Amino acid sequence: LDLQRNNKPTILIGVTFALLDFIEKHPLDFPELIIMETGGMKGR
């Protein structure tokens, strides 16, 4: 949220299950954000 307010170009790289866990608790509206998923549920 701080980076969005400051218009800072941001990349969030995440393993798939962790990205899903995060947005279930904290949905965002950050269209400038680059989400880079790096695959796999790792059995989670």
PDB file of all heavy atoms in Angstrom:
ATOM      1  N   LEU A   1       0.833  -1.209   0.000  1.00  0.00           N
ATOM      2  CA  LEU A   1       0.000   0.000   0.000  1.00  0.00           C
ATOM      3  C   LEU A   1       0.863   1.252   0.000  1.00  0.00           C
ATOM      4  O   LEU A   1       0.547   2.245  -0.665  1.00  0.00           O
ATOM      5  CB  LEU A   1      -0.933  -0.011   1.211  1.00  0.00           C
ATOM      6  CG  LEU A   1      -2.008  -1.110   1.205  1.00  0.00           C
ATOM      7  CD1 LEU A   1      -2.786  -1.109   2.523  1.00  0.00           C
ATOM      8  CD2 LEU A   1      -2.955  -0.925   0.016  1.00  0.00           C
ATOM      9  N   ASP A   2       1.982   1.211   0.722  1.00  0.00           N
ATOM     10  CA  ASP A   2       2.901   2.345   0.750  1.00  0.00           C
ATOM     11  C   ASP A   2       3.528   2.578  -0.624  1.00  0.00           C
ATOM     12  O   ASP A   2       3.626   3.716  -1.096  1.00  0.00           O
ATOM     13  CB  ASP A   2       3.989   2.083   1.794  1.00  0.00           C
ATOM     14  CG  ASP A   2       4.942   3.263   1.932  1.00  0.00           C
ATOM     15  OD1 ASP A   2       4.469   4.387   2.186  1.00  0.00           O
ATOM     16  OD2 ASP A   2       6.163   3.060   1.788  1.00  0.00           O
ATOM     17  N   LEU A   3       3.933   1.505  -1.280  1.00  0.00           N
ATOM     18  CA  LEU A   3       4.534   1.625  -2.610  1.00  0.00           C
ATOM     19  C   LEU A   3       3.513   2.120  -3.631  1.00  0.00           C
ATOM     20  O   LEU A   3       3.840   2.902  -4.536  1.00  0.00           O
ATOM     21  CB  LEU A   3       5.111   0.269  -3.047  1.00  0.00           C
ATOM     22  CG  LEU A   3       6.339  -0.198  -2.264  1.00  0.00           C
ATOM     23  CD1 LEU A   3       6.619  -1.674  -2.522  1.00  0.00           C
ATOM     24  CD2 LEU A   3       7.556   0.645  -2.645  1.00  0.00           C
ATOM     25  N   GLN A   4       2.275   1.688  -3.474  1.00  0.00           N
ATOM     26  CA  GLN A   4       1.217   2.159  -4.383  1.00  0.00           C
ATOM     27  C   GLN A   4       0.980   3.655  -4.201  1.00  0.00           C
ATOM     28  O   GLN A   4       0.859   4.399  -5.181  1.00  0.00           O
ATOM     29  CB  GLN A   4      -0.066   1.371  -4.148  1.00  0.00           C
ATOM     30  CG  GLN A   4      -1.191   1.740  -5.130  1.00  0.00           C
ATOM     31  CD  GLN A   4      -2.442   0.914  -4.925  1.00  0.00           C
ATOM     32  OE1 GLN A   4      -2.660   0.344  -3.846  1.00  0.00           O
ATOM     33  NE2 GLN A   4      -3.276   0.825  -5.948  1.00  0.00           N
ATOM     34  N   ARG A   5       0.944   4.100  -2.950  1.00  0.00           N
ATOM     35  CA  ARG A   5       0.738   5.540  -2.690  1.00  0.00           C
ATOM     36  C   ARG A   5       1.868   6.373  -3.286  1.00  0.00           C
ATOM     37  O   ARG A   5       1.643   7.492  -3.754  1.00  0.00           O
ATOM     38  CB  ARG A   5       0.652   5.790  -1.177  1.00  0.00           C
ATOM     39  CG  ARG A   5      -0.685   5.438  -0.545  1.00  0.00           C
ATOM     40  CD  ARG A   5      -0.783   5.970   0.874  1.00  0.00           C
ATOM     41  NE  ARG A   5       0.207   5.343   1.753  1.00  0.00           N
ATOM     42  CZ  ARG A   5      -0.032   4.243   2.453  1.00  0.00           C
ATOM     43  NH1 ARG A   5      -1.210   3.644   2.373  1.00  0.00           N
ATOM     44  NH2 ARG A   5       0.905   3.739   3.237  1.00  0.00           N
ATOM     45  N   ASN A   6       3.077   5.819  -3.281  1.00  0.00           N
ATOM     46  CA  ASN A   6       4.236   6.559  -3.773  1.00  0.00           C
ATOM     47  C   ASN A   6       4.530   6.320  -5.246  1.00  0.00           C
ATOM     48  O   ASN A   6       5.560   6.764  -5.760  1.00  0.00           O
ATOM     49  CB  ASN A   6       5.471   6.188  -2.936  1.00  0.00           C
ATOM     50  CG  ASN A   6       5.357   6.709  -1.513  1.00  0.00           C
ATOM     51  OD1 ASN A   6       5.003   7.864  -1.278  1.00  0.00           O
ATOM     52  ND2 ASN A   6       5.659   5.843  -0.541  1.00  0.00           N
ATOM     53  N   ASN A   7       3.608   5.619  -5.915  1.00  0.00           N
ATOM     54  CA  ASN A   7       3.751   5.348  -7.359  1.00  0.00           C
ATOM     55  C   ASN A   7       5.101   4.711  -7.697  1.00  0.00           C
ATOM     56  O   ASN A   7       5.718   5.049  -8.725  1.00  0.00           O
ATOM     57  CB  ASN A   7       3.568   6.642  -8.168  1.00  0.00           C
ATOM     58  CG  ASN A   7       2.180   7.219  -8.024  1.00  0.00           C
ATOM     59  OD1 ASN A   7       1.186   6.506  -8.151  1.00  0.00           O
ATOM     60  ND2 ASN A   7       2.098   8.514  -7.746  1.00  0.00           N
ATOM     61  N   LYS A   8       5.567   3.810  -6.853  1.00  0.00           N
ATOM     62  CA  LYS A   8       6.842   3.140  -7.084  1.00  0.00           C
ATOM     63  C   LYS A   8       6.610   1.874  -7.901  1.00  0.00           C
ATOM     64  O   LYS A   8       5.829   1.006  -7.502  1.00  0.00           O
ATOM     65  CB  LYS A   8       7.495   2.770  -5.747  1.00  0.00           C
ATOM     66  CG  LYS A   8       8.817   2.011  -5.863  1.00  0.00           C
ATOM     67  CD  LYS A   8       9.920   2.878  -6.438  1.00  0.00           C
ATOM     68  CE  LYS A   8      11.255   2.157  -6.450  1.00  0.00           C
ATOM     69  NZ  LYS A   8      12.328   2.977  -7.052  1.00  0.00           N
ATOM     70  N   PRO A   9       7.267   1.727  -9.052  1.00  0.00           N
ATOM     71  CA  PRO A   9       7.145   0.472  -9.810  1.00  0.00           C
ATOM     72  C   PRO A   9       7.544  -0.714  -8.931  1.00  0.00           C
ATOM     73  O   PRO A   9       8.618  -0.704  -8.324  1.00  0.00           O
ATOM     74  CB  PRO A   9       8.121   0.663 -10.970  1.00  0.00           C
ATOM     75  CG  PRO A   9       8.241   2.147 -11.136  1.00  0.00           C
ATOM     76  CD  PRO A   9       8.128   2.711  -9.744  1.00  0.00           C
ATOM     77  N   THR A  10       6.672  -1.705  -8.858  1.00  0.00           N
ATOM     78  CA  THR A  10       6.859  -2.794  -7.900  1.00  0.00           C
ATOM     79  C   THR A  10       6.616  -4.140  -8.550  1.00  0.00           C
ATOM     80  O   THR A  10       5.658  -4.309  -9.308  1.00  0.00           O
ATOM     81  CB  THR A  10       5.897  -2.628  -6.706  1.00  0.00           C
ATOM     82  OG1 THR A  10       6.114  -1.352  -6.092  1.00  0.00           O
ATOM     83  CG2 THR A  10       6.112  -3.723  -5.675  1.00  0.00           C
ATOM     84  N   ILE A  11       7.498  -5.089  -8.242  1.00  0.00           N
ATOM     85  CA  ILE A  11       7.318  -6.481  -8.645  1.00  0.00           C
ATOM     86  C   ILE A  11       7.180  -7.321  -7.385  1.00  0.00           C
ATOM     87  O   ILE A  11       7.988  -7.211  -6.465  1.00  0.00           O
ATOM     88  CB  ILE A  11       8.511  -6.995  -9.466  1.00  0.00           C
ATOM     89  CG1 ILE A  11       8.614  -6.247 -10.793  1.00  0.00           C
ATOM     90  CG2 ILE A  11       8.394  -8.496  -9.729  1.00  0.00           C
ATOM     91  CD1 ILE A  11       9.855  -6.598 -11.609  1.00  0.00           C
ATOM     92  N   LEU A  12       6.138  -8.151  -7.340  1.00  0.00           N
ATOM     93  CA  LEU A  12       5.978  -9.120  -6.268  1.00  0.00           C
ATOM     94  C   LEU A  12       6.102 -10.511  -6.885  1.00  0.00           C
ATOM     95  O   LEU A  12       5.255 -10.932  -7.669  1.00  0.00           O
ATOM     96  CB  LEU A  12       4.619  -8.976  -5.583  1.00  0.00           C
ATOM     97  CG  LEU A  12       4.251 -10.064  -4.555  1.00  0.00           C
ATOM     98  CD1 LEU A  12       5.254 -10.126  -3.416  1.00  0.00           C
ATOM     99  CD2 LEU A  12       2.829  -9.848  -4.023  1.00  0.00           C
ATOM    100  N   ILE A  13       7.192 -11.200  -6.556  1.00  0.00           N
ATOM    101  CA  ILE A  13       7.380 -12.562  -7.040  1.00  0.00           C
ATOM    102  C   ILE A  13       6.970 -13.512  -5.928  1.00  0.00           C
ATOM    103  O   ILE A  13       7.341 -13.323  -4.772  1.00  0.00           O
ATOM    104  CB  ILE A  13       8.840 -12.801  -7.491  1.00  0.00           C
ATOM    105  CG1 ILE A  13       8.992 -14.213  -8.096  1.00  0.00           C
ATOM    106  CG2 ILE A  13       9.841 -12.590  -6.363  1.00  0.00           C
ATOM    107  CD1 ILE A  13      10.318 -14.436  -8.800  1.00  0.00           C
ATOM    108  N   GLY A  14       6.164 -14.503  -6.279  1.00  0.00           N
ATOM    109  CA  GLY A  14       5.665 -15.380  -5.230  1.00  0.00           C
ATOM    110  C   GLY A  14       5.379 -16.780  -5.722  1.00  0.00           C
ATOM    111  O   GLY A  14       5.043 -16.999  -6.894  1.00  0.00           O
ATOM    112  N   VAL A  15       5.524 -17.744  -4.815  1.00  0.00           N
ATOM    113  CA  VAL A  15       5.102 -19.109  -5.106  1.00  0.00           C
ATOM    114  C   VAL A  15       3.578 -19.123  -5.074  1.00  0.00           C
ATOM    115  O   VAL A  15       2.947 -18.388  -4.311  1.00  0.00           O
ATOM    116  CB  VAL A  15       5.728 -20.086  -4.097  1.00  0.00           C
ATOM    117  CG1 VAL A  15       5.224 -19.836  -2.684  1.00  0.00           C
ATOM    118  CG2 VAL A  15       5.493 -21.524  -4.512  1.00  0.00           C
ATOM    119  N   THR A  16       2.971 -19.926  -5.920  1.00  0.00           N
ATOM    120  CA  THR A  16       1.542 -19.831  -6.183  1.00  0.00           C
ATOM    121  C   THR A  16       0.693 -19.919  -4.925  1.00  0.00           C
ATOM    122  O   THR A  16      -0.189 -19.086  -4.697  1.00  0.00           O
ATOM    123  CB  THR A  16       1.126 -20.939  -7.173  1.00  0.00           C
ATOM    124  OG1 THR A  16       1.966 -20.872  -8.326  1.00  0.00           O
ATOM    125  CG2 THR A  16      -0.319 -20.775  -7.589  1.00  0.00           C
ATOM    126  N   PHE A  17       0.932 -20.920  -4.088  1.00  0.00           N
ATOM    127  CA  PHE A  17       0.058 -21.103  -2.920  1.00  0.00           C
ATOM    128  C   PHE A  17       0.145 -19.903  -1.981  1.00  0.00           C
ATOM    129  O   PHE A  17      -0.845 -19.526  -1.351  1.00  0.00           O
ATOM    130  CB  PHE A  17       0.385 -22.412  -2.188  1.00  0.00           C
ATOM    131  CG  PHE A  17       1.630 -22.384  -1.342  1.00  0.00           C
ATOM    132  CD1 PHE A  17       1.606 -21.891  -0.042  1.00  0.00           C
ATOM    133  CD2 PHE A  17       2.838 -22.853  -1.847  1.00  0.00           C
ATOM    134  CE1 PHE A  17       2.757 -21.867   0.735  1.00  0.00           C
ATOM    135  CE2 PHE A  17       3.981 -22.837  -1.073  1.00  0.00           C
ATOM    136  CZ  PHE A  17       3.946 -22.333   0.214  1.00  0.00           C
ATOM    137  N   ALA A  18       1.332 -19.276  -1.874  1.00  0.00           N
ATOM    138  CA  ALA A  18       1.491 -18.143  -0.962  1.00  0.00           C
ATOM    139  C   ALA A  18       0.763 -16.910  -1.492  1.00  0.00           C
ATOM    140  O   ALA A  18       0.186 -16.135  -0.710  1.00  0.00           O
ATOM    141  CB  ALA A  18       2.976 -17.841  -0.761  1.00  0.00           C
ATOM    142  N   LEU A  19       0.779 -16.712  -2.805  1.00  0.00           N
ATOM    143  CA  LEU A  19       0.030 -15.599  -3.391  1.00  0.00           C
ATOM    144  C   LEU A  19      -1.471 -15.774  -3.163  1.00  0.00           C
ATOM    145  O   LEU A  19      -2.181 -14.808  -2.824  1.00  0.00           O
ATOM    146  CB  LEU A  19       0.317 -15.501  -4.893  1.00  0.00           C
ATOM    147  CG  LEU A  19       1.744 -15.102  -5.287  1.00  0.00           C
ATOM    148  CD1 LEU A  19       1.936 -15.237  -6.797  1.00  0.00           C
ATOM    149  CD2 LEU A  19       2.062 -13.670  -4.842  1.00  0.00           C
ATOM    150  N   LEU A  20      -1.955 -16.993  -3.321  1.00  0.00           N
ATOM    151  CA  LEU A  20      -3.380 -17.258  -3.085  1.00  0.00           C
ATOM    152  C   LEU A  20      -3.739 -17.068  -1.614  1.00  0.00           C
ATOM    153  O   LEU A  20      -4.780 -16.474  -1.291  1.00  0.00           O
ATOM    154  CB  LEU A  20      -3.729 -18.681  -3.530  1.00  0.00           C
ATOM    155  CG  LEU A  20      -3.718 -18.931  -5.039  1.00  0.00           C
ATOM    156  CD1 LEU A  20      -3.795 -20.421  -5.331  1.00  0.00           C
ATOM    157  CD2 LEU A  20      -4.861 -18.193  -5.727  1.00  0.00           C
ATOM    158  N   ASP A  21      -2.890 -17.561  -0.719  1.00  0.00           N
ATOM    159  CA  ASP A  21      -3.138 -17.370   0.715  1.00  0.00           C
ATOM    160  C   ASP A  21      -3.227 -15.883   1.056  1.00  0.00           C
ATOM    161  O   ASP A  21      -4.076 -15.459   1.853  1.00  0.00           O
ATOM    162  CB  ASP A  21      -2.009 -18.007   1.539  1.00  0.00           C
ATOM    163  CG  ASP A  21      -2.051 -19.532   1.525  1.00  0.00           C
ATOM    164  OD1 ASP A  21      -3.063 -20.097   1.057  1.00  0.00           O
ATOM    165  OD2 ASP A  21      -1.067 -20.156   1.971  1.00  0.00           O
ATOM    166  N   PHE A  22      -2.343 -15.084   0.445  1.00  0.00           N
ATOM    167  CA  PHE A  22      -2.288 -13.657   0.761  1.00  0.00           C
ATOM    168  C   PHE A  22      -3.568 -12.939   0.342  1.00  0.00           C
ATOM    169  O   PHE A  22      -4.155 -12.181   1.120  1.00  0.00           O
ATOM    170  CB  PHE A  22      -1.075 -13.019   0.082  1.00  0.00           C
ATOM    171  CG  PHE A  22      -0.949 -11.540   0.331  1.00  0.00           C
ATOM    172  CD1 PHE A  22      -0.406 -11.063   1.515  1.00  0.00           C
ATOM    173  CD2 PHE A  22      -1.391 -10.617  -0.611  1.00  0.00           C
ATOM    174  CE1 PHE A  22      -0.300  -9.694   1.759  1.00  0.00           C
ATOM    175  CE2 PHE A  22      -1.293  -9.258  -0.384  1.00  0.00           C
ATOM    176  CZ  PHE A  22      -0.744  -8.803   0.802  1.00  0.00           C
ATOM    177  N   ILE A  23      -4.012 -13.174  -0.907  1.00  0.00           N
ATOM    178  CA  ILE A  23      -5.179 -12.407  -1.383  1.00  0.00           C
ATOM    179  C   ILE A  23      -6.487 -12.871  -0.741  1.00  0.00           C
ATOM    180  O   ILE A  23      -7.461 -12.120  -0.726  1.00  0.00           O
ATOM    181  CB  ILE A  23      -5.305 -12.446  -2.918  1.00  0.00           C
ATOM    182  CG1 ILE A  23      -5.413 -13.882  -3.434  1.00  0.00           C
ATOM    183  CG2 ILE A  23      -4.155 -11.691  -3.560  1.00  0.00           C
ATOM    184  CD1 ILE A  23      -5.720 -13.963  -4.924  1.00  0.00           C
ATOM    185  N   GLU A  24      -6.512 -14.086  -0.199  1.00  0.00           N
ATOM    186  CA  GLU A  24      -7.712 -14.511   0.521  1.00  0.00           C
ATOM    187  C   GLU A  24      -7.918 -13.659   1.764  1.00  0.00           C
ATOM    188  O   GLU A  24      -9.046 -13.399   2.176  1.00  0.00           O
ATOM    189  CB  GLU A  24      -7.611 -15.991   0.904  1.00  0.00           C
ATOM    190  CG  GLU A  24      -7.863 -16.929  -0.263  1.00  0.00           C
ATOM    191  CD  GLU A  24      -7.791 -18.383   0.144  1.00  0.00           C
ATOM    192  OE1 GLU A  24      -7.466 -18.677   1.320  1.00  0.00           O
ATOM    193  OE2 GLU A  24      -8.056 -19.245  -0.718  1.00  0.00           O
ATOM    194  N   LYS A  25      -6.809 -13.202   2.350  1.00  0.00           N
ATOM    195  CA  LYS A  25      -6.889 -12.369   3.556  1.00  0.00           C
ATOM    196  C   LYS A  25      -6.817 -10.883   3.233  1.00  0.00           C
ATOM    197  O   LYS A  25      -7.385 -10.061   3.948  1.00  0.00           O
ATOM    198  CB  LYS A  25      -5.764 -12.748   4.520  1.00  0.00           C
ATOM    199  CG  LYS A  25      -5.898 -14.131   5.130  1.00  0.00           C
ATOM    200  CD  LYS A  25      -4.731 -14.489   6.025  1.00  0.00           C
ATOM    201  CE  LYS A  25      -3.519 -14.908   5.214  1.00  0.00           C
ATOM    202  NZ  LYS A  25      -2.411 -15.441   6.057  1.00  0.00           N
ATOM    203  N   HIS A  26      -6.112 -10.536   2.154  1.00  0.00           N
ATOM    204  CA  HIS A  26      -5.845  -9.128   1.865  1.00  0.00           C
ATOM    205  C   HIS A  26      -6.016  -8.810   0.381  1.00  0.00           C
ATOM    206  O   HIS A  26      -5.042  -8.522  -0.330  1.00  0.00           O
ATOM    207  CB  HIS A  26      -4.415  -8.763   2.289  1.00  0.00           C
ATOM    208  CG  HIS A  26      -4.081  -9.112   3.699  1.00  0.00           C
ATOM    209  ND1 HIS A  26      -4.667  -8.495   4.789  1.00  0.00           N
ATOM    210  CD2 HIS A  26      -3.228 -10.045   4.214  1.00  0.00           C
ATOM    211  CE1 HIS A  26      -4.181  -9.005   5.902  1.00  0.00           C
ATOM    212  NE2 HIS A  26      -3.311  -9.946   5.586  1.00  0.00           N
ATOM    213  N   PRO A  27      -7.244  -8.838  -0.129  1.00  0.00           N
ATOM    214  CA  PRO A  27      -7.437  -8.479  -1.540  1.00  0.00           C
ATOM    215  C   PRO A  27      -7.032  -7.029  -1.786  1.00  0.00           C
ATOM    216  O   PRO A  27      -7.222  -6.163  -0.927  1.00  0.00           O
ATOM    217  CB  PRO A  27      -8.932  -8.702  -1.765  1.00  0.00           C
ATOM    218  CG  PRO A  27      -9.545  -8.663  -0.400  1.00  0.00           C
ATOM    219  CD  PRO A  27      -8.511  -9.182   0.547  1.00  0.00           C
ATOM    220  N   LEU A  28      -6.465  -6.774  -2.970  1.00  0.00           N
ATOM    221  CA  LEU A  28      -5.950  -5.455  -3.314  1.00  0.00           C
ATOM    222  C   LEU A  28      -6.558  -4.956  -4.614  1.00  0.00           C
ATOM    223  O   LEU A  28      -7.129  -5.731  -5.391  1.00  0.00           O
ATOM    224  CB  LEU A  28      -4.423  -5.508  -3.486  1.00  0.00           C
ATOM    225  CG  LEU A  28      -3.546  -5.686  -2.256  1.00  0.00           C
ATOM    226  CD1 LEU A  28      -2.102  -5.877  -2.693  1.00  0.00           C
ATOM    227  CD2 LEU A  28      -3.666  -4.473  -1.337  1.00  0.00           C
ATOM    228  N   ASP A  29      -6.398  -3.666  -4.855  1.00  0.00           N
ATOM    229  CA  ASP A  29      -6.695  -3.077  -6.160  1.00  0.00           C
ATOM    230  C   ASP A  29      -5.476  -2.258  -6.546  1.00  0.00           C
ATOM    231  O   ASP A  29      -5.397  -1.060  -6.291  1.00  0.00           O
ATOM    232  CB  ASP A  29      -7.950  -2.206  -6.079  1.00  0.00           C
ATOM    233  CG  ASP A  29      -8.321  -1.622  -7.436  1.00  0.00           C
ATOM    234  OD1 ASP A  29      -7.840  -2.156  -8.468  1.00  0.00           O
ATOM    235  OD2 ASP A  29      -9.071  -0.631  -7.472  1.00  0.00           O
ATOM    236  N   PHE A  30      -4.496  -2.943  -7.139  1.00  0.00           N
ATOM    237  CA  PHE A  30      -3.183  -2.334  -7.409  1.00  0.00           C
ATOM    238  C   PHE A  30      -2.805  -2.675  -8.857  1.00  0.00           C
ATOM    239  O   PHE A  30      -1.934  -3.494  -9.122  1.00  0.00           O
ATOM    240  CB  PHE A  30      -2.160  -2.911  -6.426  1.00  0.00           C
ATOM    241  CG  PHE A  30      -0.824  -2.211  -6.381  1.00  0.00           C
ATOM    242  CD1 PHE A  30       0.085  -2.516  -5.365  1.00  0.00           C
ATOM    243  CD2 PHE A  30      -0.436  -1.253  -7.328  1.00  0.00           C
ATOM    244  CE1 PHE A  30       1.331  -1.899  -5.298  1.00  0.00           C
ATOM    245  CE2 PHE A  30       0.799  -0.632  -7.274  1.00  0.00           C
ATOM    246  CZ  PHE A  30       1.680  -0.964  -6.260  1.00  0.00           C
ATOM    247  N   PRO A  31      -3.489  -2.036  -9.841  1.00  0.00           N
ATOM    248  CA  PRO A  31      -3.310  -2.433 -11.244  1.00  0.00           C
ATOM    249  C   PRO A  31      -1.895  -2.249 -11.784  1.00  0.00           C
ATOM    250  O   PRO A  31      -1.513  -2.911 -12.751  1.00  0.00           O
ATOM    251  CB  PRO A  31      -4.313  -1.544 -11.998  1.00  0.00           C
ATOM    252  CG  PRO A  31      -4.657  -0.443 -11.060  1.00  0.00           C
ATOM    253  CD  PRO A  31      -4.510  -0.981  -9.679  1.00  0.00           C
ATOM    254  N   GLU A  32      -1.093  -1.377 -11.163  1.00  0.00           N
ATOM    255  CA  GLU A  32       0.272  -1.151 -11.650  1.00  0.00           C
ATOM    256  C   GLU A  32       1.247  -2.221 -11.149  1.00  0.00           C
ATOM    257  O   GLU A  32       2.371  -2.331 -11.631  1.00  0.00           O
ATOM    258  CB  GLU A  32       0.784   0.224 -11.201  1.00  0.00           C
ATOM    259  CG  GLU A  32      -0.028   1.399 -11.720  1.00  0.00           C
ATOM    260  CD  GLU A  32      -1.292   1.652 -10.896  1.00  0.00           C
ATOM    261  OE1 GLU A  32      -1.361   1.158  -9.749  1.00  0.00           O
ATOM    262  OE2 GLU A  32      -2.203   2.330 -11.414  1.00  0.00           O
ATOM    263  N   LEU A  33       0.825  -3.012 -10.183  1.00  0.00           N
ATOM    264  CA  LEU A  33       1.693  -4.023  -9.589  1.00  0.00           C
ATOM    265  C   LEU A  33       1.967  -5.149 -10.584  1.00  0.00           C
ATOM    266  O   LEU A  33       1.064  -5.612 -11.284  1.00  0.00           O
ATOM    267  CB  LEU A  33       1.017  -4.599  -8.337  1.00  0.00           C
ATOM    268  CG  LEU A  33       1.732  -5.728  -7.587  1.00  0.00           C
ATOM    269  CD1 LEU A  33       3.058  -5.257  -6.999  1.00  0.00           C
ATOM    270  CD2 LEU A  33       0.821  -6.285  -6.487  1.00  0.00           C
ATOM    271  N   ILE A  34       3.219  -5.585 -10.661  1.00  0.00           N
ATOM    272  CA  ILE A  34       3.572  -6.768 -11.458  1.00  0.00           C
ATOM    273  C   ILE A  34       3.615  -7.967 -10.524  1.00  0.00           C
ATOM    274  O   ILE A  34       4.417  -8.022  -9.599  1.00  0.00           O
ATOM    275  CB  ILE A  34       4.932  -6.590 -12.162  1.00  0.00           C
ATOM    276  CG1 ILE A  34       4.852  -5.476 -13.211  1.00  0.00           C
ATOM    277  CG2 ILE A  34       5.366  -7.904 -12.824  1.00  0.00           C
ATOM    278  CD1 ILE A  34       6.190  -5.145 -13.851  1.00  0.00           C
ATOM    279  N   ILE A  35       2.704  -8.902 -10.758  1.00  0.00           N
ATOM    280  CA  ILE A  35       2.696 -10.160 -10.012  1.00  0.00           C
ATOM    281  C   ILE A  35       3.395 -11.210 -10.857  1.00  0.00           C
ATOM    282  O   ILE A  35       2.973 -11.503 -11.977  1.00  0.00           O
ATOM    283  CB  ILE A  35       1.258 -10.624  -9.697  1.00  0.00           C
ATOM    284  CG1 ILE A  35       0.550  -9.622  -8.793  1.00  0.00           C
ATOM    285  CG2 ILE A  35       1.277 -12.015  -9.051  1.00  0.00           C
ATOM    286  CD1 ILE A  35       1.138  -9.523  -7.404  1.00  0.00           C
ATOM    287  N   MET A  36       4.462 -11.779 -10.316  1.00  0.00           N
ATOM    288  CA  MET A  36       5.205 -12.820 -11.027  1.00  0.00           C
ATOM    289  C   MET A  36       5.108 -14.103 -10.218  1.00  0.00           C
ATOM    290  O   MET A  36       5.719 -14.234  -9.167  1.00  0.00           O
ATOM    291  CB  MET A  36       6.668 -12.407 -11.207  1.00  0.00           C
ATOM    292  CG  MET A  36       7.486 -13.372 -12.053  1.00  0.00           C
ATOM    293  SD  MET A  36       9.228 -12.889 -12.157  1.00  0.00           S
ATOM    294  CE  MET A  36       9.095 -11.337 -13.035  1.00  0.00           C
ATOM    295  N   GLU A  37       4.289 -15.041 -10.722  1.00  0.00           N
ATOM    296  CA  GLU A  37       4.171 -16.301  -9.978  1.00  0.00           C
ATOM    297  C   GLU A  37       5.192 -17.290 -10.517  1.00  0.00           C
ATOM    298  O   GLU A  37       5.484 -17.337 -11.703  1.00  0.00           O
ATOM    299  CB  GLU A  37       2.739 -16.841 -10.031  1.00  0.00           C
ATOM    300  CG  GLU A  37       2.197 -17.130 -11.404  1.00  0.00           C
ATOM    301  CD  GLU A  37       2.400 -18.556 -11.808  1.00  0.00           C
ATOM    302  OE1 GLU A  37       2.825 -19.349 -10.958  1.00  0.00           O
ATOM    303  OE2 GLU A  37       2.174 -18.869 -12.979  1.00  0.00           O
ATOM    304  N   THR A  38       5.749 -18.042  -9.583  1.00  0.00           N
ATOM    305  CA  THR A  38       6.827 -18.940  -9.960  1.00  0.00           C
ATOM    306  C   THR A  38       6.465 -20.392  -9.707  1.00  0.00           C
ATOM    307  O   THR A  38       7.309 -21.233  -9.467  1.00  0.00           O
ATOM    308  CB  THR A  38       8.144 -18.531  -9.267  1.00  0.00           C
ATOM    309  OG1 THR A  38       9.221 -19.310  -9.783  1.00  0.00           O
ATOM    310  CG2 THR A  38       8.047 -18.691  -7.767  1.00  0.00           C
ATOM    311  N   GLY A  39       5.165 -20.640  -9.730  1.00  0.00           N
ATOM    312  CA  GLY A  39       4.682 -21.995  -9.891  1.00  0.00           C
ATOM    313  C   GLY A  39       4.567 -22.845  -8.645  1.00  0.00           C
ATOM    314  O   GLY A  39       5.254 -22.652  -7.659  1.00  0.00           O
ATOM    315  N   GLY A  40       3.643 -23.768  -8.710  1.00  0.00           N
ATOM    316  CA  GLY A  40       3.596 -24.845  -7.747  1.00  0.00           C
ATOM    317  C   GLY A  40       2.792 -24.581  -6.493  1.00  0.00           C
ATOM    318  O   GLY A  40       2.874 -23.526  -5.890  1.00  0.00           O
ATOM    319  N   MET A  41       1.996 -25.559  -6.106  1.00  0.00           N
ATOM    320  CA  MET A  41       1.278 -25.520  -4.834  1.00  0.00           C
ATOM    321  C   MET A  41       2.090 -26.186  -3.724  1.00  0.00           C
ATOM    322  O   MET A  41       1.766 -26.044  -2.553  1.00  0.00           O
ATOM    323  CB  MET A  41      -0.082 -26.225  -4.969  1.00  0.00           C
ATOM    324  CG  MET A  41      -1.042 -25.538  -5.914  1.00  0.00           C
ATOM    325  SD  MET A  41      -1.482 -23.855  -5.401  1.00  0.00           S
ATOM    326  CE  MET A  41      -2.772 -23.494  -6.605  1.00  0.00           C
ATOM    327  N   LYS A  42       3.160 -26.921  -4.094  1.00  0.00           N
ATOM    328  CA  LYS A  42       4.045 -27.586  -3.126  1.00  0.00           C
ATOM    329  C   LYS A  42       3.270 -28.465  -2.157  1.00  0.00           C
ATOM    330  O   LYS A  42       3.661 -28.655  -1.003  1.00  0.00           O
ATOM    331  CB  LYS A  42       4.854 -26.554  -2.320  1.00  0.00           C
ATOM    332  CG  LYS A  42       5.489 -25.453  -3.145  1.00  0.00           C
ATOM    333  CD  LYS A  42       6.478 -25.999  -4.132  1.00  0.00           C
ATOM    334  CE  LYS A  42       7.143 -24.859  -4.901  1.00  0.00           C
ATOM    335  NZ  LYS A  42       7.913 -25.325  -6.052  1.00  0.00           N
ATOM    336  N   GLY A  43       2.131 -28.986  -2.600  1.00  0.00           N
ATOM    337  CA  GLY A  43       1.333 -29.841  -1.737  1.00  0.00           C
ATOM    338  C   GLY A  43       0.522 -29.088  -0.708  1.00  0.00           C
ATOM    339  O   GLY A  43      -0.158 -29.697   0.112  1.00  0.00           O
ATOM    340  N   ARG A  44       0.569 -27.733  -0.762  1.00  0.00           N
ATOM    341  CA  ARG A  44      -0.128 -26.927   0.260  1.00  0.00           C
ATOM    342  C   ARG A  44      -1.599 -26.677  -0.107  1.00  0.00           C
ATOM    343  O   ARG A  44      -2.413 -26.426   0.771  1.00  0.00           O
ATOM    344  CB  ARG A  44       0.574 -25.576   0.438  1.00  0.00           C
ATOM    345  CG  ARG A  44       2.082 -25.630   0.639  1.00  0.00           C
ATOM    346  CD  ARG A  44       2.497 -25.950   2.049  1.00  0.00           C
ATOM    347  NE  ARG A  44       3.943 -25.840   2.196  1.00  0.00           N
ATOM    348  CZ  ARG A  44       4.562 -24.841   2.801  1.00  0.00           C
ATOM    349  NH1 ARG A  44       3.874 -23.855   3.344  1.00  0.00           N
ATOM    350  NH2 ARG A  44       5.884 -24.827   2.880  1.00  0.00           N
TER     351      ARG A  44
END
